[in-house]
Amino acid sequence: MTTENAIRILAGSMILLSLGLFLLVGPMGLLLAGFVALNLIQSAFTGFCPAEKVFRRLGIGSASCSNGERRPA
């Protein structure tokens, strides 16, 4: 799994969690969705993504995103 795929899974999961919190807790649950959206937007402009650094330290995303080749596990 590439780091990019892991980030997409994380972002989607956080959005779904936010929707669940909205239904169970109330409108404040949507703050999480807003935070995720702002983080995705800022990472598109700056190229900095905190989740990417965390995933790389955990060893997720050892595949190269630039040429599509995967390293053996």
C-alpha atoms as a PDB file:
ATOM      1  CA  MET A   1       0.000   0.000   0.000  1.00  0.00           C
ATOM      2  CA  THR A   2       1.350   3.405  -0.898  1.00  0.00           C
ATOM      3  CA  THR A   3       1.373   6.339   1.488  1.00  0.00           C
ATOM      4  CA  GLU A   4      -1.079   8.141  -0.769  1.00  0.00           C
ATOM      5  CA  ASN A   5      -3.583   5.282  -0.501  1.00  0.00           C
ATOM      6  CA  ALA A   6      -3.165   5.156   3.277  1.00  0.00           C
ATOM      7  CA  ILE A   7      -3.851   8.889   3.520  1.00  0.00           C
ATOM      8  CA  ARG A   8      -6.996   8.526   1.417  1.00  0.00           C
ATOM      9  CA  ILE A   9      -8.209   5.690   3.644  1.00  0.00           C
ATOM     10  CA  LEU A  10      -7.491   7.745   6.752  1.00  0.00           C
ATOM     11  CA  ALA A  11      -9.272  10.831   5.399  1.00  0.00           C
ATOM     12  CA  GLY A  12     -12.309   8.830   4.311  1.00  0.00           C
ATOM     13  CA  SER A  13     -12.482   7.073   7.666  1.00  0.00           C
ATOM     14  CA  MET A  14     -12.289  10.365   9.526  1.00  0.00           C
ATOM     15  CA  ILE A  15     -15.116  11.802   7.419  1.00  0.00           C
ATOM     16  CA  LEU A  16     -17.283   8.759   8.140  1.00  0.00           C
ATOM     17  CA  LEU A  17     -16.446   9.035  11.844  1.00  0.00           C
ATOM     18  CA  SER A  18     -17.407  12.701  11.724  1.00  0.00           C
ATOM     19  CA  LEU A  19     -20.763  11.862  10.175  1.00  0.00           C
ATOM     20  CA  GLY A  20     -21.357   9.269  12.893  1.00  0.00           C
ATOM     21  CA  LEU A  21     -20.512  11.816  15.573  1.00  0.00           C
ATOM     22  CA  PHE A  22     -22.893  14.261  13.913  1.00  0.00           C
ATOM     23  CA  LEU A  23     -25.706  11.739  14.171  1.00  0.00           C
ATOM     24  CA  LEU A  24     -24.895  10.612  17.717  1.00  0.00           C
ATOM     25  CA  VAL A  25     -23.606  13.781  19.366  1.00  0.00           C
ATOM     26  CA  GLY A  26     -24.838  16.691  17.309  1.00  0.00           C
ATOM     27  CA  PRO A  27     -23.580  19.396  14.967  1.00  0.00           C
ATOM     28  CA  MET A  28     -20.220  19.658  16.764  1.00  0.00           C
ATOM     29  CA  GLY A  29     -19.320  16.323  15.165  1.00  0.00           C
ATOM     30  CA  LEU A  30     -18.915  18.119  11.854  1.00  0.00           C
ATOM     31  CA  LEU A  31     -15.900  20.010  13.181  1.00  0.00           C
ATOM     32  CA  LEU A  32     -13.822  16.898  12.542  1.00  0.00           C
ATOM     33  CA  ALA A  33     -14.937  16.826   8.897  1.00  0.00           C
ATOM     34  CA  GLY A  34     -14.028  20.501   8.580  1.00  0.00           C
ATOM     35  CA  PHE A  35     -10.582  19.869  10.056  1.00  0.00           C
ATOM     36  CA  VAL A  36      -9.961  16.981   7.652  1.00  0.00           C
ATOM     37  CA  ALA A  37     -11.074  19.096   4.686  1.00  0.00           C
ATOM     38  CA  LEU A  38      -8.824  22.013   5.675  1.00  0.00           C
ATOM     39  CA  ASN A  39      -5.879  19.659   6.143  1.00  0.00           C
ATOM     40  CA  LEU A  40      -6.401  18.149   2.676  1.00  0.00           C
ATOM     41  CA  ILE A  41      -6.600  21.607   1.110  1.00  0.00           C
ATOM     42  CA  GLN A  42      -3.490  22.934   2.852  1.00  0.00           C
ATOM     43  CA  SER A  43      -1.507  19.810   1.951  1.00  0.00           C
ATOM     44  CA  ALA A  44      -2.444  20.289  -1.713  1.00  0.00           C
ATOM     45  CA  PHE A  45      -1.015  23.819  -1.656  1.00  0.00           C
ATOM     46  CA  THR A  46       2.006  23.299   0.611  1.00  0.00           C
ATOM     47  CA  GLY A  47       2.927  19.669  -0.006  1.00  0.00           C
ATOM     48  CA  PHE A  48       3.149  19.112   3.772  1.00  0.00           C
ATOM     49  CA  CYS A  49       0.999  16.365   5.236  1.00  0.00           C
ATOM     50  CA  PRO A  50       1.453  15.340   8.879  1.00  0.00           C
ATOM     51  CA  ALA A  51      -0.247  11.988   8.262  1.00  0.00           C
ATOM     52  CA  GLU A  52       2.334  11.158   5.592  1.00  0.00           C
ATOM     53  CA  LYS A  53       5.177  11.605   8.068  1.00  0.00           C
ATOM     54  CA  VAL A  54       3.413   9.398  10.629  1.00  0.00           C
ATOM     55  CA  PHE A  55       2.702   6.672   8.062  1.00  0.00           C
ATOM     56  CA  ARG A  56       6.297   6.679   6.830  1.00  0.00           C
ATOM     57  CA  ARG A  57       7.581   6.268  10.399  1.00  0.00           C
ATOM     58  CA  LEU A  58       5.191   3.339  10.824  1.00  0.00           C
ATOM     59  CA  GLY A  59       6.604   1.770   7.671  1.00  0.00           C
ATOM     60  CA  ILE A  60       3.476   2.262   5.586  1.00  0.00           C
ATOM     61  CA  GLY A  61       4.163   3.457   2.079  1.00  0.00           C
ATOM     62  CA  SER A  62       7.501   1.908   1.372  1.00  0.00           C
ATOM     63  CA  ALA A  63       6.478   1.767  -2.289  1.00  0.00           C
ATOM     64  CA  SER A  64       7.721   4.529  -4.523  1.00  0.00           C
ATOM     65  CA  CYS A  65       4.921   6.820  -5.666  1.00  0.00           C
ATOM     66  CA  SER A  66       6.989   8.395  -8.425  1.00  0.00           C
ATOM     67  CA  ASN A  67       7.580   5.425 -10.709  1.00  0.00           C
ATOM     68  CA  GLY A  68       4.926   2.950  -9.560  1.00  0.00           C
ATOM     69  CA  GLU A  69       7.449   0.264  -8.613  1.00  0.00           C
ATOM     70  CA  ARG A  70       6.994  -1.598  -5.355  1.00  0.00           C
ATOM     71  CA  ARG A  71       9.790  -2.736  -3.145  1.00  0.00           C
ATOM     72  CA  PRO A  72       9.609  -6.262  -1.751  1.00  0.00           C
ATOM     73  CA  ALA A  73       8.120  -6.453   1.737  1.00  0.00           C
END
